[in-house]
C-alpha atoms as a PDB file:
ATOM      1  CA  MET A   1      78.661  76.065  48.193  1.00  0.00           C
ATOM      2  CA  PRO A   2      79.163  79.140  50.431  1.00  0.00           C
ATOM      3  CA  TRP A   3      77.698  79.173  53.922  1.00  0.00           C
ATOM      4  CA  SER A   4      74.684  81.368  54.452  1.00  0.00           C
ATOM      5  CA  ARG A   5      73.025  82.500  57.621  1.00  0.00           C
ATOM      6  CA  TRP A   6      70.014  80.416  56.631  1.00  0.00           C
ATOM      7  CA  ASP A   7      72.055  77.203  56.919  1.00  0.00           C
ATOM      8  CA  ALA A   8      71.990  77.469  60.696  1.00  0.00           C
ATOM      9  CA  ILE A   9      68.221  77.860  61.013  1.00  0.00           C
ATOM     10  CA  GLY A  10      66.213  74.665  61.385  1.00  0.00           C
ATOM     11  CA  HIS A  11      62.711  74.000  60.145  1.00  0.00           C
ATOM     12  CA  ASN A  12      61.223  75.199  63.424  1.00  0.00           C
ATOM     13  CA  GLY A  13      63.175  78.470  63.286  1.00  0.00           C
ATOM     14  CA  ALA A  14      65.669  77.471  65.978  1.00  0.00           C
ATOM     15  CA  VAL A  15      69.349  78.140  65.434  1.00  0.00           C
ATOM     16  CA  SER A  16      71.195  74.867  65.069  1.00  0.00           C
ATOM     17  CA  ASP A  17      74.778  76.098  64.739  1.00  0.00           C
ATOM     18  CA  SER A  18      76.845  73.521  66.659  1.00  0.00           C
ATOM     19  CA  SER A  19      79.753  75.952  66.984  1.00  0.00           C
ATOM     20  CA  SER A  20      77.710  78.316  69.156  1.00  0.00           C
ATOM     21  CA  GLN A  21      79.128  79.081  72.556  1.00  0.00           C
ATOM     22  CA  PRO A  22      77.004  80.005  75.544  1.00  0.00           C
ATOM     23  CA  ILE A  23      76.737  83.718  76.105  1.00  0.00           C
ATOM     24  CA  GLY A  24      77.846  84.814  79.562  1.00  0.00           C
ATOM     25  CA  MET A  25      75.481  87.354  81.011  1.00  0.00           C
ATOM     26  CA  SER A  26      77.085  89.979  83.205  1.00  0.00           C
ATOM     27  CA  THR A  27      75.490  91.376  86.318  1.00  0.00           C
ATOM     28  CA  GLY A  28      77.427  94.621  86.054  1.00  0.00           C
ATOM     29  CA  LEU A  29      80.752  96.144  85.207  1.00  0.00           C
ATOM     30  CA  PRO A  30      83.722  93.782  85.125  1.00  0.00           C
ATOM     31  CA  SER A  31      86.367  93.844  87.832  1.00  0.00           C
ATOM     32  CA  THR A  32      90.058  93.730  87.055  1.00  0.00           C
ATOM     33  CA  VAL A  33      92.591  92.341  89.497  1.00  0.00           C
ATOM     34  CA  ILE A  34      96.282  92.975  88.989  1.00  0.00           C
ATOM     35  CA  PRO A  35      98.268  89.751  89.462  1.00  0.00           C
ATOM     36  CA  PRO A  36      99.960  89.476  92.864  1.00  0.00           C
ATOM     37  CA  LEU A  37     103.653  90.187  93.290  1.00  0.00           C
ATOM     38  CA  GLU A  38     105.987  87.258  93.034  1.00  0.00           C
ATOM     39  CA  ALA A  39     107.332  86.227  96.423  1.00  0.00           C
ATOM     40  CA  SER A  40     110.897  87.202  95.497  1.00  0.00           C
ATOM     41  CA  ALA A  41     109.867  90.742  94.515  1.00  0.00           C
ATOM     42  CA  ARG A  42     107.723  91.094  97.630  1.00  0.00           C
ATOM     43  CA  HIS A  43     110.721  90.016  99.717  1.00  0.00           C
ATOM     44  CA  LEU A  44     113.073  92.504  98.031  1.00  0.00           C
ATOM     45  CA  LEU A  45     110.629  95.366  98.552  1.00  0.00           C
ATOM     46  CA  SER A  46     110.134  94.434 102.197  1.00  0.00           C
ATOM     47  CA  GLN A  47     113.920  94.420 102.632  1.00  0.00           C
ATOM     48  CA  ALA A  48     114.145  97.920 101.141  1.00  0.00           C
ATOM     49  CA  LEU A  49     111.392  99.110 103.474  1.00  0.00           C
ATOM     50  CA  ALA A  50     113.098  97.564 106.483  1.00  0.00           C
ATOM     51  CA  VAL A  51     116.319  99.574 106.263  1.00  0.00           C
ATOM     52  CA  ASP A  52     116.986 102.459 108.629  1.00  0.00           C
ATOM     53  CA  SER A  53     114.709 105.428 107.949  1.00  0.00           C
ATOM     54  CA  SER A  54     117.655 107.603 106.892  1.00  0.00           C
ATOM     55  CA  ALA A  55     118.451 105.215 104.011  1.00  0.00           C
ATOM     56  CA  ARG A  56     114.932 103.893 103.256  1.00  0.00           C
ATOM     57  CA  ARG A  57     114.078 106.300 100.428  1.00  0.00           C
ATOM     58  CA  GLU A  58     117.296 105.433  98.603  1.00  0.00           C
ATOM     59  CA  ALA A  59     116.746 101.708  99.134  1.00  0.00           C
ATOM     60  CA  VAL A  60     113.208 101.911  97.747  1.00  0.00           C
ATOM     61  CA  ALA A  61     114.396 104.077  94.835  1.00  0.00           C
ATOM     62  CA  ASN A  62     116.993 101.410  94.019  1.00  0.00           C
ATOM     63  CA  PHE A  63     114.292  98.732  94.181  1.00  0.00           C
ATOM     64  CA  VAL A  64     112.073 100.757  91.807  1.00  0.00           C
ATOM     65  CA  ALA A  65     114.992 101.306  89.422  1.00  0.00           C
ATOM     66  CA  ASP A  66     115.520  97.535  89.292  1.00  0.00           C
ATOM     67  CA  HIS A  67     111.773  96.710  89.178  1.00  0.00           C
ATOM     68  CA  PRO A  68     109.994  99.637  87.492  1.00  0.00           C
ATOM     69  CA  ARG A  69     106.840  97.646  86.739  1.00  0.00           C
ATOM     70  CA  ILE A  70     106.114  96.891  90.391  1.00  0.00           C
ATOM     71  CA  LEU A  71     103.443  99.387  91.383  1.00  0.00           C
ATOM     72  CA  ASP A  72     103.846  98.849  95.117  1.00  0.00           C
ATOM     73  CA  GLY A  73     107.396 100.177  94.781  1.00  0.00           C
ATOM     74  CA  TRP A  74     106.166 103.400  93.154  1.00  0.00           C
ATOM     75  CA  ALA A  75     103.539 103.816  95.860  1.00  0.00           C
ATOM     76  CA  GLU A  76     106.163 103.389  98.578  1.00  0.00           C
ATOM     77  CA  LEU A  77     108.554 105.758  96.812  1.00  0.00           C
ATOM     78  CA  GLY A  78     105.801 108.357  96.559  1.00  0.00           C
ATOM     79  CA  GLY A  79     105.216 108.073 100.281  1.00  0.00           C
ATOM     80  CA  LEU A  80     108.920 108.603 100.949  1.00  0.00           C
ATOM     81  CA  GLY A  81     109.290 111.675  98.737  1.00  0.00           C
ATOM     82  CA  ARG A  82     111.429 114.464 100.155  1.00  0.00           C
ATOM     83  CA  ASP A  83     108.830 117.028  99.119  1.00  0.00           C
ATOM     84  CA  THR A  84     105.428 117.193  97.460  1.00  0.00           C
ATOM     85  CA  MET A  85     106.809 117.420  93.933  1.00  0.00           C
ATOM     86  CA  GLU A  86     109.033 114.364  94.344  1.00  0.00           C
ATOM     87  CA  SER A  87     106.070 112.424  95.730  1.00  0.00           C
ATOM     88  CA  TYR A  88     103.853 113.730  92.922  1.00  0.00           C
ATOM     89  CA  ALA A  89     106.348 112.535  90.312  1.00  0.00           C
ATOM     90  CA  ALA A  90     106.623 109.027  91.788  1.00  0.00           C
ATOM     91  CA  TYR A  91     102.863 108.662  92.161  1.00  0.00           C
ATOM     92  CA  ARG A  92     102.314 109.898  88.603  1.00  0.00           C
ATOM     93  CA  VAL A  93     104.752 107.366  87.141  1.00  0.00           C
ATOM     94  CA  GLY A  94     103.175 104.611  89.244  1.00  0.00           C
ATOM     95  CA  TYR A  95      99.715 105.647  88.102  1.00  0.00           C
ATOM     96  CA  HIS A  96     100.666 105.540  84.406  1.00  0.00           C
ATOM     97  CA  ARG A  97     102.495 102.232  84.788  1.00  0.00           C
ATOM     98  CA  GLY A  98      99.412 100.994  86.589  1.00  0.00           C
ATOM     99  CA  LEU A  99      97.160 101.905  83.670  1.00  0.00           C
ATOM    100  CA  ASP A 100      99.488  99.892  81.419  1.00  0.00           C
ATOM    101  CA  THR A 101      99.330  96.961  83.844  1.00  0.00           C
ATOM    102  CA  LEU A 102      95.541  97.108  84.033  1.00  0.00           C
ATOM    103  CA  ARG A 103      95.232  97.149  80.248  1.00  0.00           C
ATOM    104  CA  ALA A 104      97.593  94.185  80.001  1.00  0.00           C
ATOM    105  CA  ASN A 105      95.252  92.335  82.369  1.00  0.00           C
ATOM    106  CA  GLY A 106      92.038  92.932  80.478  1.00  0.00           C
ATOM    107  CA  TRP A 107      90.874  96.330  81.711  1.00  0.00           C
ATOM    108  CA  ARG A 108      89.383  98.321  78.846  1.00  0.00           C
ATOM    109  CA  GLY A 109      89.003 101.739  80.415  1.00  0.00           C
ATOM    110  CA  SER A 110      85.919 100.989  82.459  1.00  0.00           C
ATOM    111  CA  GLY A 111      84.999  98.604  85.203  1.00  0.00           C
ATOM    112  CA  TYR A 112      86.083  98.120  88.754  1.00  0.00           C
ATOM    113  CA  VAL A 113      89.557  97.938  90.265  1.00  0.00           C
ATOM    114  CA  ARG A 114      88.696  97.316  93.890  1.00  0.00           C
ATOM    115  CA  TRP A 115      90.626  97.863  97.101  1.00  0.00           C
ATOM    116  CA  GLU A 116      89.483  94.443  98.341  1.00  0.00           C
ATOM    117  CA  ALA A 117      92.134  92.817  96.101  1.00  0.00           C
ATOM    118  CA  PRO A 118      95.512  93.436  97.808  1.00  0.00           C
ATOM    119  CA  SER A 119      97.300  93.169  94.469  1.00  0.00           C
ATOM    120  CA  ASN A 120      95.420  96.306  93.319  1.00  0.00           C
ATOM    121  CA  HIS A 121      96.753  98.371  96.222  1.00  0.00           C
ATOM    122  CA  GLY A 122      99.922  99.569  94.490  1.00  0.00           C
ATOM    123  CA  PHE A 123      97.966 101.142  91.641  1.00  0.00           C
ATOM    124  CA  LEU A 124      95.207 102.522  93.838  1.00  0.00           C
ATOM    125  CA  ARG A 125      97.723 103.960  96.321  1.00  0.00           C
ATOM    126  CA  CYS A 126      99.520 105.695  93.426  1.00  0.00           C
ATOM    127  CA  LEU A 127      96.235 107.182  92.208  1.00  0.00           C
ATOM    128  CA  LEU A 128      95.294 108.268  95.735  1.00  0.00           C
ATOM    129  CA  GLY A 129      98.755 109.771  96.320  1.00  0.00           C
ATOM    130  CA  LEU A 130      98.565 111.577  92.979  1.00  0.00           C
ATOM    131  CA  GLN A 131      95.155 112.973  93.947  1.00  0.00           C
ATOM    132  CA  ARG A 132      96.448 114.229  97.297  1.00  0.00           C
ATOM    133  CA  CYS A 133      99.589 115.787  95.819  1.00  0.00           C
ATOM    134  CA  ALA A 134      97.597 117.442  93.030  1.00  0.00           C
ATOM    135  CA  ALA A 135      95.290 118.970  95.637  1.00  0.00           C
ATOM    136  CA  GLU A 136      98.274 120.130  97.679  1.00  0.00           C
ATOM    137  CA  ILE A 137      99.958 121.922  94.754  1.00  0.00           C
ATOM    138  CA  GLY A 138      96.736 123.540  93.576  1.00  0.00           C
ATOM    139  CA  GLU A 139      96.062 121.327  90.543  1.00  0.00           C
ATOM    140  CA  SER A 140      92.356 121.242  91.353  1.00  0.00           C
ATOM    141  CA  ASP A 141      91.196 119.837  88.017  1.00  0.00           C
ATOM    142  CA  GLU A 142      93.619 116.918  88.261  1.00  0.00           C
ATOM    143  CA  ALA A 143      92.753 116.332  91.912  1.00  0.00           C
ATOM    144  CA  GLU A 144      89.039 116.248  91.037  1.00  0.00           C
ATOM    145  CA  ARG A 145      89.599 113.837  88.110  1.00  0.00           C
ATOM    146  CA  CYS A 146      91.650 111.527  90.324  1.00  0.00           C
ATOM    147  CA  ALA A 147      89.035 111.639  93.099  1.00  0.00           C
ATOM    148  CA  LEU A 148      86.263 110.799  90.638  1.00  0.00           C
ATOM    149  CA  PHE A 149      88.346 108.014  89.090  1.00  0.00           C
ATOM    150  CA  LEU A 150      89.019 106.480  92.519  1.00  0.00           C
ATOM    151  CA  LEU A 151      85.287 106.376  93.209  1.00  0.00           C
ATOM    152  CA  GLN A 152      84.506 104.976  89.766  1.00  0.00           C
ATOM    153  CA  LEU A 153      87.062 102.209  90.231  1.00  0.00           C
ATOM    154  CA  ASP A 154      85.696 101.307  93.649  1.00  0.00           C
ATOM    155  CA  PRO A 155      82.393 102.951  94.606  1.00  0.00           C
ATOM    156  CA  SER A 156      82.752 101.649  98.172  1.00  0.00           C
ATOM    157  CA  GLY A 157      85.451 104.286  98.653  1.00  0.00           C
ATOM    158  CA  VAL A 158      88.969 104.310 100.003  1.00  0.00           C
ATOM    159  CA  PRO A 159      89.419 102.029 103.028  1.00  0.00           C
ATOM    160  CA  GLU A 160      90.162 103.897 106.228  1.00  0.00           C
ATOM    161  CA  ALA A 161      93.572 102.202 106.507  1.00  0.00           C
ATOM    162  CA  PHE A 162      94.717 104.126 103.403  1.00  0.00           C
ATOM    163  CA  GLY A 163      93.440 107.521 104.487  1.00  0.00           C
ATOM    164  CA  SER A 164      91.017 109.582 102.511  1.00  0.00           C
ATOM    165  CA  ILE A 165      90.637 111.536  99.318  1.00  0.00           C
ATOM    166  CA  ALA A 166      91.887 115.091  99.781  1.00  0.00           C
ATOM    167  CA  SER A 167      89.364 117.873  99.621  1.00  0.00           C
ATOM    168  CA  VAL A 168      89.778 120.047  96.572  1.00  0.00           C
ATOM    169  CA  GLY A 169      89.610 123.814  96.402  1.00  0.00           C
ATOM    170  CA  ASP A 170      89.781 124.583 100.111  1.00  0.00           C
END
């Protein structure tokens, strides 16, 4: 005999389905945290950052070429760009790789990605760098979207240690 929805209702009207799971009630939007870097990758990136300043950009670029999914590498490469467009390109790639990483870790296009989690810094630094570069090259609409997205991801704002969102249209 096929199951019907009435099979789960007892005589007193209560649902008696033993396979029911408790429903988790949320107090707000979910937060996504990108998994932390493995110690070996963190060590390799720190080695690339420790080389002489004249060779640092190349060392970080080599690290990123070997580890293109590590968002901290893209953020560092963006910061070492030889000009605004090179920085813009690195930040943009890091931002898009970051969206892929967030989705792979449960983010569904909304919810928080907070600065308080150090493992989120690579993505957030790429987004912040992209926002600043977009403002610098006159891409006001992109700069505004990035600024809004940063504040949606973490309404507490960008921590002072990372600088600030660039003003747009000045």
